[in-house]
N, C-alpha and C. Protein backbone atom coordinates (compact mmCIF):
# COMPACT_ATOMS: atom_id res chain seq x y z
N MET A 1 -7.59 22.18 5.53
CA MET A 1 -7.11 20.50 5.74
C MET A 1 -8.15 19.33 5.77
N ASN A 2 -7.92 18.55 4.65
CA ASN A 2 -8.49 17.61 4.07
C ASN A 2 -8.48 16.08 5.38
N ASN A 3 -9.55 16.40 6.02
CA ASN A 3 -9.41 14.87 7.11
C ASN A 3 -10.14 13.76 6.44
N LYS A 4 -10.06 13.36 5.31
CA LYS A 4 -10.39 12.47 4.65
C LYS A 4 -9.61 11.26 4.94
N LEU A 5 -10.44 10.02 5.81
CA LEU A 5 -9.57 8.35 5.91
C LEU A 5 -9.21 8.13 4.29
N ILE A 6 -8.24 7.62 4.10
CA ILE A 6 -8.04 6.79 3.49
C ILE A 6 -7.81 5.52 3.45
N LEU A 7 -8.69 4.39 2.90
CA LEU A 7 -8.11 2.74 3.75
C LEU A 7 -7.51 2.59 2.65
N SER A 8 -7.10 1.07 2.62
CA SER A 8 -6.36 0.35 2.01
C SER A 8 -7.36 -0.68 2.37
N PRO A 9 -6.81 -1.66 1.03
CA PRO A 9 -7.97 -3.10 1.02
C PRO A 9 -7.52 -3.62 2.40
N TRP A 10 -8.52 -4.31 2.56
CA TRP A 10 -8.21 -5.19 4.11
C TRP A 10 -8.37 -6.62 3.68
N LEU A 11 -8.77 -7.33 2.59
CA LEU A 11 -8.61 -8.63 2.46
C LEU A 11 -8.08 -8.85 0.95
N GLY A 12 -7.02 -9.79 1.14
CA GLY A 12 -6.09 -9.99 0.00
C GLY A 12 -6.77 -11.94 -0.26
N CYS A 13 -7.03 -12.00 -1.53
CA CYS A 13 -7.03 -13.21 -1.94
C CYS A 13 -6.55 -13.73 -3.33
N ILE A 14 -6.51 -15.09 -3.24
CA ILE A 14 -5.81 -15.57 -4.02
C ILE A 14 -6.35 -16.98 -4.54
N ALA A 15 -6.61 -16.98 -5.53
CA ALA A 15 -7.25 -17.85 -5.80
C ALA A 15 -6.28 -18.77 -7.20
N ASP A 16 -6.48 -20.39 -7.33
CA ASP A 16 -5.73 -21.16 -7.87
C ASP A 16 -6.40 -21.50 -9.37
N ASP A 17 -7.55 -20.82 -9.93
CA ASP A 17 -7.86 -20.31 -11.13
C ASP A 17 -8.59 -19.33 -11.68
N TYR A 18 -8.59 -18.92 -12.92
CA TYR A 18 -9.65 -17.93 -13.02
C TYR A 18 -10.91 -17.79 -12.81
N THR A 19 -11.53 -19.23 -13.14
CA THR A 19 -12.87 -19.15 -12.84
C THR A 19 -13.15 -18.83 -11.58
N GLY A 20 -12.50 -19.69 -10.76
CA GLY A 20 -13.15 -19.53 -9.23
C GLY A 20 -12.45 -18.45 -8.48
N ALA A 21 -11.59 -17.46 -8.96
CA ALA A 21 -11.32 -16.04 -8.84
C ALA A 21 -12.63 -15.43 -9.48
N THR A 22 -13.13 -15.49 -10.39
CA THR A 22 -14.16 -14.45 -10.76
C THR A 22 -15.61 -15.21 -9.87
N ASP A 23 -15.44 -16.17 -9.06
CA ASP A 23 -17.07 -16.57 -8.47
C ASP A 23 -16.45 -15.81 -7.14
N LEU A 24 -15.25 -16.07 -6.92
CA LEU A 24 -15.17 -15.61 -5.36
C LEU A 24 -15.09 -13.85 -5.71
N ALA A 25 -14.62 -13.10 -6.26
CA ALA A 25 -15.03 -11.81 -6.26
C ALA A 25 -16.33 -11.20 -6.63
N SER A 26 -17.25 -12.36 -7.63
CA SER A 26 -18.84 -11.74 -7.46
C SER A 26 -19.52 -12.10 -6.28
N PHE A 27 -19.02 -12.97 -5.27
CA PHE A 27 -19.23 -12.89 -3.93
C PHE A 27 -19.08 -11.86 -3.05
N LEU A 28 -18.01 -11.32 -3.21
CA LEU A 28 -17.39 -10.45 -2.59
C LEU A 28 -18.05 -9.02 -2.82
N VAL A 29 -18.28 -8.88 -4.39
CA VAL A 29 -19.12 -7.73 -4.63
C VAL A 29 -20.70 -7.78 -4.63
N ALA A 30 -21.17 -8.64 -4.04
CA ALA A 30 -22.98 -9.28 -3.86
C ALA A 30 -22.77 -9.05 -2.56
N SER A 31 -21.80 -8.84 -1.97
CA SER A 31 -21.63 -8.88 0.17
C SER A 31 -21.40 -7.15 -0.08
N GLY A 32 -21.18 -6.51 -0.77
CA GLY A 32 -20.90 -5.33 -0.58
C GLY A 32 -19.65 -4.81 -0.47
N LEU A 33 -18.54 -6.02 -1.02
CA LEU A 33 -16.92 -5.32 -0.78
C LEU A 33 -16.53 -4.76 -2.13
N ARG A 34 -16.29 -3.28 -2.19
CA ARG A 34 -15.71 -2.86 -3.44
C ARG A 34 -14.39 -3.65 -3.53
N THR A 35 -14.15 -4.40 -4.79
CA THR A 35 -13.41 -5.50 -4.92
C THR A 35 -13.17 -5.57 -6.53
N ILE A 36 -11.62 -5.66 -6.85
CA ILE A 36 -10.66 -6.06 -7.82
C ILE A 36 -10.37 -7.63 -8.15
N GLN A 37 -10.33 -7.62 -9.23
CA GLN A 37 -10.00 -8.94 -9.49
C GLN A 37 -8.59 -8.78 -10.37
N LEU A 38 -7.07 -9.25 -10.08
CA LEU A 38 -6.33 -9.34 -11.22
C LEU A 38 -6.12 -10.57 -11.53
N ASN A 39 -5.62 -10.57 -13.15
CA ASN A 39 -5.66 -11.78 -13.84
C ASN A 39 -4.32 -12.29 -13.70
N GLY A 40 -3.63 -12.88 -13.27
CA GLY A 40 -1.69 -13.39 -13.57
C GLY A 40 -1.29 -12.70 -12.19
N LEU A 41 -0.19 -13.23 -12.31
CA LEU A 41 0.66 -12.46 -11.28
C LEU A 41 0.96 -11.11 -11.50
N PRO A 42 0.80 -10.34 -10.07
CA PRO A 42 0.57 -8.73 -10.41
C PRO A 42 1.68 -8.52 -10.60
N ASP A 43 1.50 -7.28 -11.34
CA ASP A 43 2.79 -6.30 -11.73
C ASP A 43 2.87 -5.03 -11.08
N GLU A 44 4.15 -5.43 -10.33
CA GLU A 44 4.28 -3.70 -9.30
C GLU A 44 3.99 -2.80 -10.09
N ASN A 45 4.54 -2.64 -11.27
CA ASN A 45 4.16 -1.14 -11.66
C ASN A 45 2.73 -1.21 -12.54
N LEU A 46 1.87 -1.87 -12.16
CA LEU A 46 0.26 -1.91 -12.52
C LEU A 46 0.09 -0.39 -11.72
N ASP A 47 -0.85 0.14 -12.58
CA ASP A 47 -1.24 1.78 -12.07
C ASP A 47 -2.57 1.60 -11.95
N ILE A 48 -2.59 1.27 -10.66
CA ILE A 48 -4.10 1.01 -9.83
C ILE A 48 -4.15 1.90 -8.41
N ASN A 49 -5.37 2.44 -8.64
CA ASN A 49 -5.27 3.03 -6.96
C ASN A 49 -5.95 1.98 -5.61
N LEU A 50 -5.27 1.25 -5.40
CA LEU A 50 -5.87 -0.14 -4.77
C LEU A 50 -6.42 0.64 -3.60
N SER A 51 -6.15 1.84 -3.04
CA SER A 51 -6.89 2.26 -1.98
C SER A 51 -8.45 2.28 -1.96
N GLU A 52 -9.00 2.59 -3.44
CA GLU A 52 -10.35 2.64 -3.58
C GLU A 52 -11.10 1.46 -3.45
N TYR A 53 -10.20 -0.01 -2.96
CA TYR A 53 -11.18 -1.38 -2.66
C TYR A 53 -10.68 -1.73 -1.19
N ASP A 54 -12.08 -2.79 -1.11
CA ASP A 54 -11.97 -3.26 0.16
C ASP A 54 -11.07 -4.88 0.00
N ALA A 55 -11.17 -5.43 -1.58
CA ALA A 55 -10.65 -6.55 -1.32
C ALA A 55 -9.63 -6.41 -2.67
N ILE A 56 -8.55 -7.89 -2.72
CA ILE A 56 -7.98 -7.46 -4.53
C ILE A 56 -8.07 -9.27 -4.56
N VAL A 57 -8.66 -9.56 -5.43
CA VAL A 57 -8.31 -11.10 -5.85
C VAL A 57 -7.52 -11.35 -6.76
N ILE A 58 -6.91 -12.12 -7.07
CA ILE A 58 -5.65 -12.11 -7.65
C ILE A 58 -5.89 -13.84 -8.23
N ALA A 59 -6.24 -13.79 -9.25
CA ALA A 59 -6.19 -15.05 -10.33
C ALA A 59 -5.11 -15.57 -10.81
N LEU A 60 -5.10 -17.01 -10.60
CA LEU A 60 -3.85 -17.80 -10.59
C LEU A 60 -4.39 -19.09 -11.81
N LYS A 61 -3.24 -19.68 -12.10
CA LYS A 61 -2.91 -20.28 -13.07
C LYS A 61 -2.28 -21.42 -12.45
N SER A 62 -2.50 -21.64 -11.06
CA SER A 62 -1.67 -22.87 -10.48
C SER A 62 -1.95 -24.19 -9.75
N ARG A 63 -3.21 -24.39 -10.01
CA ARG A 63 -3.90 -25.89 -9.76
C ARG A 63 -3.45 -26.82 -10.62
N THR A 64 -3.02 -27.01 -11.79
CA THR A 64 -2.14 -27.82 -12.32
C THR A 64 -0.99 -27.65 -12.50
N CYS A 65 -0.13 -26.84 -12.55
CA CYS A 65 1.45 -26.48 -12.84
C CYS A 65 1.86 -27.20 -11.84
N ALA A 66 3.18 -26.96 -11.90
CA ALA A 66 4.24 -27.90 -11.24
C ALA A 66 4.16 -27.24 -9.44
N VAL A 67 4.10 -28.41 -9.11
CA VAL A 67 4.10 -27.57 -7.24
C VAL A 67 4.98 -26.64 -6.99
N LYS A 68 6.15 -26.68 -7.36
CA LYS A 68 7.33 -25.36 -7.19
C LYS A 68 6.43 -24.12 -7.84
N GLN A 69 6.27 -23.96 -9.02
CA GLN A 69 5.55 -22.91 -9.34
C GLN A 69 4.40 -22.43 -8.76
N ALA A 70 3.64 -23.32 -8.52
CA ALA A 70 2.23 -23.14 -7.65
C ALA A 70 2.33 -22.44 -6.22
N VAL A 71 3.48 -22.63 -5.34
CA VAL A 71 3.90 -22.19 -4.41
C VAL A 71 4.81 -20.78 -4.51
N ASN A 72 6.00 -20.50 -5.44
CA ASN A 72 6.35 -19.53 -5.89
C ASN A 72 5.42 -18.46 -6.44
N ASP A 73 4.33 -18.82 -7.30
CA ASP A 73 3.32 -17.90 -7.65
C ASP A 73 2.37 -17.23 -6.49
N SER A 74 2.10 -18.13 -5.93
CA SER A 74 1.08 -18.15 -4.89
C SER A 74 2.04 -16.62 -3.73
N LEU A 75 3.27 -17.16 -3.34
CA LEU A 75 4.00 -16.56 -2.46
C LEU A 75 4.21 -15.21 -3.00
N LYS A 76 4.26 -14.94 -4.08
CA LYS A 76 4.42 -13.52 -4.74
C LYS A 76 2.83 -12.98 -4.47
N SER A 77 2.19 -13.31 -4.80
CA SER A 77 1.08 -13.07 -4.88
C SER A 77 0.62 -12.99 -3.50
N LEU A 78 1.04 -13.44 -2.30
CA LEU A 78 0.69 -12.90 -1.23
C LEU A 78 1.35 -11.44 -0.28
N ARG A 79 3.17 -11.52 -0.99
CA ARG A 79 3.78 -10.45 -0.77
C ARG A 79 3.12 -9.27 -1.86
N TYR A 80 2.09 -9.62 -2.86
CA TYR A 80 2.10 -7.90 -3.17
C TYR A 80 0.72 -7.48 -2.64
N LEU A 81 -0.34 -8.44 -2.09
CA LEU A 81 -1.11 -8.18 -1.19
C LEU A 81 -0.86 -7.52 0.15
N GLN A 82 0.22 -8.46 0.65
CA GLN A 82 0.80 -7.55 1.96
C GLN A 82 0.91 -6.13 1.86
N GLU A 83 2.20 -5.93 0.62
CA GLU A 83 2.53 -4.72 0.41
C GLU A 83 0.80 -3.20 -0.10
N ALA A 84 0.07 -4.14 -0.57
CA ALA A 84 -0.69 -3.31 -0.98
C ALA A 84 -1.86 -3.33 0.70
N GLY A 85 -1.27 -3.34 1.60
CA GLY A 85 -1.69 -3.27 2.71
C GLY A 85 -2.71 -4.34 3.46
N CYS A 86 -3.28 -5.45 2.93
CA CYS A 86 -4.08 -6.24 3.14
C CYS A 86 -3.96 -6.88 4.57
N LEU A 87 -5.09 -6.99 5.07
CA LEU A 87 -4.70 -7.35 6.57
C LEU A 87 -5.37 -8.65 6.85
N LYS A 88 -6.08 -9.49 6.23
CA LYS A 88 -6.64 -10.81 6.32
C LYS A 88 -6.34 -11.46 4.60
N TYR A 89 -6.08 -12.42 4.88
CA TYR A 89 -5.97 -13.67 3.54
C TYR A 89 -7.20 -14.71 3.27
N TYR A 90 -7.11 -14.85 1.98
CA TYR A 90 -8.17 -16.07 1.73
C TYR A 90 -7.47 -16.68 0.84
N PHE A 91 -7.53 -18.17 0.70
CA PHE A 91 -6.57 -19.35 -0.71
C PHE A 91 -8.02 -19.34 -1.33
N LYS A 92 -8.28 -19.56 -2.12
CA LYS A 92 -9.87 -19.82 -2.55
C LYS A 92 -9.14 -21.05 -3.83
N TYR A 93 -9.32 -22.26 -3.23
CA TYR A 93 -8.98 -23.59 -4.11
C TYR A 93 -10.14 -23.92 -4.48
N CYS A 94 -10.02 -24.96 -5.48
CA CYS A 94 -11.37 -25.65 -6.03
C CYS A 94 -12.60 -26.27 -5.00
N SER A 95 -13.56 -25.88 -5.18
CA SER A 95 -14.34 -26.68 -4.17
C SER A 95 -14.88 -28.18 -4.16
N THR A 96 -13.94 -28.72 -5.32
CA THR A 96 -13.69 -30.08 -5.58
C THR A 96 -12.45 -30.58 -5.08
N PHE A 97 -11.35 -29.61 -4.80
CA PHE A 97 -10.59 -29.88 -4.03
C PHE A 97 -9.43 -30.50 -4.80
N ASP A 98 -9.82 -30.23 -6.18
CA ASP A 98 -8.92 -30.53 -7.43
C ASP A 98 -7.52 -30.17 -7.13
N SER A 99 -6.70 -31.66 -7.11
CA SER A 99 -5.27 -31.70 -6.77
C SER A 99 -4.69 -33.29 -6.91
N THR A 100 -3.49 -33.20 -6.92
CA THR A 100 -3.03 -34.62 -6.88
C THR A 100 -2.45 -34.80 -5.60
N HIS A 101 -2.43 -36.18 -5.58
CA HIS A 101 -1.82 -36.60 -4.10
C HIS A 101 -0.53 -35.51 -3.63
N GLU A 102 0.09 -35.19 -4.55
CA GLU A 102 1.64 -34.62 -4.22
C GLU A 102 1.24 -32.78 -3.90
N GLY A 103 0.09 -32.61 -4.74
CA GLY A 103 -0.33 -31.35 -4.10
C GLY A 103 -1.16 -30.44 -5.49
N ASN A 104 -1.48 -29.57 -5.44
CA ASN A 104 -0.62 -28.09 -5.44
C ASN A 104 -1.35 -27.92 -3.91
N ILE A 105 -2.63 -27.76 -3.43
CA ILE A 105 -3.15 -27.10 -2.52
C ILE A 105 -2.59 -27.37 -1.20
N GLY A 106 -2.12 -28.52 -1.12
CA GLY A 106 -1.31 -28.72 0.65
C GLY A 106 -0.10 -27.89 0.49
N PRO A 107 0.78 -28.08 -0.62
CA PRO A 107 1.96 -27.37 -0.39
C PRO A 107 1.62 -25.86 -0.60
N VAL A 108 0.89 -25.40 -1.10
CA VAL A 108 0.34 -23.72 -1.29
C VAL A 108 -0.10 -23.31 0.27
N ILE A 109 -1.15 -24.20 0.77
CA ILE A 109 -1.21 -23.61 2.44
C ILE A 109 -0.45 -23.60 3.05
N ASP A 110 0.75 -24.52 2.94
CA ASP A 110 1.85 -24.61 3.92
C ASP A 110 2.84 -23.53 3.47
N SER A 111 2.92 -23.26 2.56
CA SER A 111 3.94 -22.07 2.25
C SER A 111 3.26 -20.84 2.56
N LEU A 112 1.91 -20.75 2.56
CA LEU A 112 1.18 -19.13 2.82
C LEU A 112 1.36 -19.10 4.49
N MET A 113 0.99 -20.41 5.04
CA MET A 113 0.80 -20.46 6.50
C MET A 113 2.34 -20.02 6.80
N GLU A 114 3.18 -20.63 6.10
CA GLU A 114 4.66 -20.31 6.92
C GLU A 114 5.07 -18.46 7.18
N GLU A 115 4.92 -18.49 5.57
CA GLU A 115 5.00 -16.88 5.17
C GLU A 115 4.05 -15.65 6.21
N LEU A 116 3.15 -16.50 6.61
CA LEU A 116 2.13 -15.55 7.63
C LEU A 116 2.32 -15.58 8.91
N LYS A 117 3.41 -16.80 9.29
CA LYS A 117 3.31 -17.33 10.56
C LYS A 117 2.65 -17.69 11.43
N VAL A 118 1.32 -18.70 10.84
CA VAL A 118 0.41 -19.29 11.28
C VAL A 118 0.53 -20.51 11.89
N LYS A 119 -0.24 -20.73 12.93
CA LYS A 119 -0.06 -22.37 13.05
C LYS A 119 -1.03 -23.05 12.77
N SER A 120 -2.47 -22.61 12.55
CA SER A 120 -3.37 -23.80 12.00
C SER A 120 -4.60 -22.52 10.83
N THR A 121 -5.37 -23.50 9.95
CA THR A 121 -5.96 -22.72 9.32
C THR A 121 -7.26 -23.64 9.23
N VAL A 122 -8.31 -23.08 8.22
CA VAL A 122 -9.52 -23.77 8.34
C VAL A 122 -9.16 -24.69 6.84
N VAL A 123 -9.63 -25.50 6.68
CA VAL A 123 -9.72 -26.35 5.19
C VAL A 123 -11.23 -26.50 4.82
N CYS A 124 -11.93 -26.10 4.12
CA CYS A 124 -13.02 -26.84 3.79
C CYS A 124 -13.80 -26.45 2.57
N PRO A 125 -13.36 -27.09 1.21
CA PRO A 125 -13.52 -26.64 -0.10
C PRO A 125 -15.23 -26.42 -0.46
N ALA A 126 -15.88 -26.56 0.81
CA ALA A 126 -17.28 -26.60 0.19
C ALA A 126 -18.08 -25.18 -0.70
N LEU A 127 -18.73 -25.25 -1.38
CA LEU A 127 -19.35 -24.29 -2.32
C LEU A 127 -20.79 -24.72 -2.48
N PRO A 128 -21.99 -24.24 -1.47
CA PRO A 128 -22.95 -25.10 -2.13
C PRO A 128 -23.91 -24.58 -3.13
N VAL A 129 -23.66 -23.19 -3.24
CA VAL A 129 -24.32 -22.61 -4.58
C VAL A 129 -24.04 -23.61 -5.55
N ASN A 130 -23.04 -24.62 -5.44
CA ASN A 130 -22.42 -25.48 -6.79
C ASN A 130 -22.87 -26.72 -6.65
N GLY A 131 -23.15 -26.92 -5.40
CA GLY A 131 -23.59 -28.40 -5.14
C GLY A 131 -22.26 -29.24 -4.61
N ARG A 132 -21.44 -28.37 -4.10
CA ARG A 132 -20.08 -28.68 -3.37
C ARG A 132 -20.57 -28.48 -1.68
N THR A 133 -20.73 -29.83 -0.88
CA THR A 133 -20.91 -30.01 0.52
C THR A 133 -20.04 -30.42 0.67
N VAL A 134 -19.83 -30.09 2.59
CA VAL A 134 -18.89 -31.45 2.93
C VAL A 134 -19.67 -31.38 4.30
N LYS A 135 -19.79 -32.87 5.07
CA LYS A 135 -20.53 -33.60 5.90
C LYS A 135 -19.56 -34.44 6.42
N ASN A 136 -19.55 -34.40 7.65
CA ASN A 136 -18.52 -35.42 8.66
C ASN A 136 -17.19 -35.31 8.09
N GLY A 137 -16.94 -34.49 7.68
CA GLY A 137 -15.20 -34.19 6.58
C GLY A 137 -15.25 -34.92 5.44
N HIS A 138 -16.10 -34.92 4.99
CA HIS A 138 -16.25 -35.86 3.61
C HIS A 138 -16.83 -34.83 2.60
N LEU A 139 -16.29 -34.52 1.28
CA LEU A 139 -16.64 -33.62 0.31
C LEU A 139 -17.58 -34.35 -0.53
N TYR A 140 -18.85 -34.13 -0.26
CA TYR A 140 -20.08 -34.05 -1.60
C TYR A 140 -20.11 -33.26 -2.73
N VAL A 141 -20.37 -33.95 -4.10
CA VAL A 141 -20.73 -33.43 -5.48
C VAL A 141 -22.20 -33.32 -5.53
N ASN A 142 -23.47 -32.55 -5.62
CA ASN A 142 -24.58 -33.01 -5.44
C ASN A 142 -25.10 -34.12 -4.95
N GLY A 143 -24.58 -34.35 -3.57
CA GLY A 143 -24.85 -35.30 -2.60
C GLY A 143 -24.62 -36.65 -3.00
N ILE A 144 -23.05 -36.79 -4.05
CA ILE A 144 -22.54 -37.85 -3.73
C ILE A 144 -21.11 -37.75 -3.63
N LEU A 145 -20.65 -38.56 -2.74
CA LEU A 145 -19.54 -39.06 -2.28
C LEU A 145 -18.61 -38.38 -3.49
N LEU A 146 -17.40 -37.37 -2.94
CA LEU A 146 -16.68 -36.94 -4.44
C LEU A 146 -15.82 -38.08 -4.77
N ASN A 147 -15.64 -38.87 -4.52
CA ASN A 147 -14.70 -40.02 -5.27
C ASN A 147 -15.83 -41.02 -5.82
N GLU A 148 -16.94 -40.67 -5.49
CA GLU A 148 -17.79 -41.70 -6.57
C GLU A 148 -18.77 -40.93 -7.37
N SER A 149 -18.17 -39.37 -7.38
CA SER A 149 -18.80 -38.58 -8.43
C SER A 149 -18.08 -38.56 -9.76
N PRO A 150 -18.73 -38.35 -10.64
CA PRO A 150 -17.90 -38.08 -12.28
C PRO A 150 -16.72 -37.15 -12.12
N MET A 151 -15.96 -36.44 -10.98
CA MET A 151 -14.73 -36.17 -10.69
C MET A 151 -13.82 -37.01 -10.43
N LYS A 152 -14.30 -38.38 -10.18
CA LYS A 152 -13.55 -39.43 -10.00
C LYS A 152 -12.44 -39.77 -11.12
N ASP A 153 -13.14 -39.38 -12.37
CA ASP A 153 -12.53 -39.68 -13.52
C ASP A 153 -12.18 -38.81 -14.16
N HIS A 154 -11.44 -37.66 -13.48
CA HIS A 154 -10.65 -36.41 -14.38
C HIS A 154 -9.82 -36.46 -14.80
N PRO A 155 -9.59 -36.14 -16.24
CA PRO A 155 -8.04 -36.55 -16.67
C PRO A 155 -6.84 -35.67 -15.70
N LEU A 156 -6.85 -34.85 -15.33
CA LEU A 156 -5.35 -34.43 -14.60
C LEU A 156 -5.60 -34.63 -12.88
N THR A 157 -6.66 -34.06 -12.22
CA THR A 157 -6.74 -34.52 -11.03
C THR A 157 -7.94 -35.47 -10.83
N PRO A 158 -8.04 -37.02 -11.00
CA PRO A 158 -8.77 -37.52 -10.75
C PRO A 158 -9.12 -37.98 -9.32
N MET A 159 -10.23 -37.94 -8.58
CA MET A 159 -10.66 -37.67 -7.28
C MET A 159 -10.71 -38.94 -6.86
N SER A 160 -9.92 -39.90 -6.15
CA SER A 160 -9.88 -40.98 -5.34
C SER A 160 -10.16 -40.98 -4.09
N ASP A 161 -10.68 -39.88 -3.13
CA ASP A 161 -10.88 -40.07 -1.80
C ASP A 161 -11.80 -38.80 -1.99
N SER A 162 -12.77 -38.47 -0.59
CA SER A 162 -13.73 -37.71 -0.29
C SER A 162 -13.37 -36.95 1.11
N SER A 163 -12.43 -37.58 1.73
CA SER A 163 -11.89 -37.60 3.23
C SER A 163 -10.84 -35.87 3.04
N ILE A 164 -11.70 -34.68 2.96
CA ILE A 164 -10.90 -33.72 3.16
C ILE A 164 -9.55 -33.99 4.19
N GLU A 165 -9.87 -34.46 5.39
CA GLU A 165 -8.72 -34.75 6.15
C GLU A 165 -7.62 -35.44 5.34
N ARG A 166 -7.84 -37.13 5.19
CA ARG A 166 -6.74 -37.84 4.36
C ARG A 166 -6.32 -37.01 3.16
N MET A 167 -7.13 -36.02 2.37
CA MET A 167 -6.62 -35.13 1.36
C MET A 167 -5.26 -34.43 1.76
N ILE A 168 -5.95 -33.59 2.89
CA ILE A 168 -4.84 -32.60 3.02
C ILE A 168 -3.56 -32.91 4.08
N GLU A 169 -3.46 -34.30 4.74
CA GLU A 169 -2.69 -34.39 5.39
C GLU A 169 -1.75 -35.52 3.81
N THR A 170 -2.70 -35.94 3.14
CA THR A 170 -1.38 -36.79 2.15
C THR A 170 -0.43 -35.47 1.34
N GLN A 171 -1.19 -34.38 1.28
CA GLN A 171 -0.39 -32.98 0.41
C GLN A 171 0.55 -32.47 1.64
N GLY A 172 0.03 -32.16 2.30
CA GLY A 172 0.42 -30.91 3.24
C GLY A 172 1.21 -31.77 4.63
N LYS A 173 1.94 -30.54 5.37
CA LYS A 173 3.50 -30.86 5.85
C LYS A 173 2.68 -31.15 7.75
N GLY A 174 1.44 -30.82 7.75
CA GLY A 174 0.84 -30.80 9.14
C GLY A 174 -0.01 -31.75 9.51
N LYS A 175 -0.68 -31.88 10.68
CA LYS A 175 -1.89 -32.71 11.20
C LYS A 175 -3.34 -31.85 10.84
N ALA A 176 -4.51 -32.60 10.52
CA ALA A 176 -5.49 -32.09 10.20
C ALA A 176 -6.33 -32.69 11.31
N ALA A 177 -7.43 -31.76 12.04
CA ALA A 177 -8.18 -32.47 13.00
C ALA A 177 -9.55 -32.10 12.41
N LEU A 178 -10.63 -32.93 12.66
CA LEU A 178 -11.94 -33.07 12.14
C LEU A 178 -12.64 -31.92 13.07
N ILE A 179 -13.11 -31.01 13.04
CA ILE A 179 -14.29 -30.32 13.60
C ILE A 179 -15.53 -29.79 13.35
N SER A 180 -16.02 -30.61 14.33
CA SER A 180 -17.56 -30.57 13.65
C SER A 180 -18.25 -28.97 13.82
N PHE A 181 -19.33 -29.30 12.72
CA PHE A 181 -20.28 -27.51 12.87
C PHE A 181 -20.76 -27.63 14.11
N GLU A 182 -21.10 -28.49 14.70
CA GLU A 182 -21.69 -28.35 16.34
C GLU A 182 -20.77 -28.02 17.46
N VAL A 183 -19.17 -28.17 17.31
CA VAL A 183 -18.24 -27.33 17.86
C VAL A 183 -17.85 -26.34 17.77
N VAL A 184 -18.22 -25.97 16.45
CA VAL A 184 -17.76 -24.80 16.08
C VAL A 184 -18.72 -23.95 16.43
N GLU A 185 -19.64 -24.35 16.36
CA GLU A 185 -20.71 -23.13 16.88
C GLU A 185 -21.06 -23.15 18.46
N GLN A 186 -20.21 -24.04 19.44
CA GLN A 186 -19.94 -23.45 20.26
C GLN A 186 -19.05 -22.86 20.79
N GLY A 187 -18.26 -21.86 19.96
CA GLY A 187 -17.20 -21.17 20.11
C GLY A 187 -15.95 -21.54 20.37
N GLN A 188 -14.83 -20.48 20.64
CA GLN A 188 -13.43 -21.03 20.53
C GLN A 188 -12.84 -21.72 21.46
N GLU A 189 -13.44 -22.05 22.79
CA GLU A 189 -13.27 -22.52 23.83
C GLU A 189 -13.18 -24.26 23.58
N ALA A 190 -14.34 -24.63 22.89
CA ALA A 190 -15.03 -25.63 22.21
C ALA A 190 -14.01 -26.10 21.03
N ILE A 191 -14.15 -25.10 20.21
CA ILE A 191 -12.85 -25.63 18.80
C ILE A 191 -11.02 -25.63 19.71
N GLN A 192 -10.88 -24.98 20.53
CA GLN A 192 -9.73 -25.37 21.04
C GLN A 192 -9.23 -27.01 21.97
N SER A 193 -10.52 -27.01 22.27
CA SER A 193 -10.15 -28.04 23.46
C SER A 193 -10.47 -29.56 22.36
N GLU A 194 -10.88 -29.34 21.05
CA GLU A 194 -10.85 -30.47 20.40
C GLU A 194 -9.64 -31.17 20.07
């Protein structure tokens, strides 16, 4: 009798563009996770043995499409990841929070949270290796506030605000709360009392 344990991927990731998905997949591989990246909406007829992987990264082109399509594609991807056996989920959006006032980041986060039946999540679009950092709830690009950086003039998603709290509340349904790194370091009780 073969007692070999067959595991499923435990981490499911949805990225809003191919570049971000590739960055994420490379970080996961560098961290030792067996990772596969699927470009575009996954086809349920795709013949891949997903049990060989720890993480699945789905690369969408949902950053600048219509909000409804971004939400629908993200939910389809989530359901695929759930069927694959994933237990944890990560939505990888742009580290400069590229979006418009209407979305797509906020509406996708809202829909994923609703589908997963979770009440809260962390929104922190930092990627220090690319010069994207967050300090006191404001996003910086190479040390310059996002709305003062060259990103302010982006042709599709002009960045007019550096406050993550305001950006996510403008797009999303929920209430944002700024929790400092110092509070996070103190643990769950300190975070919950904020």
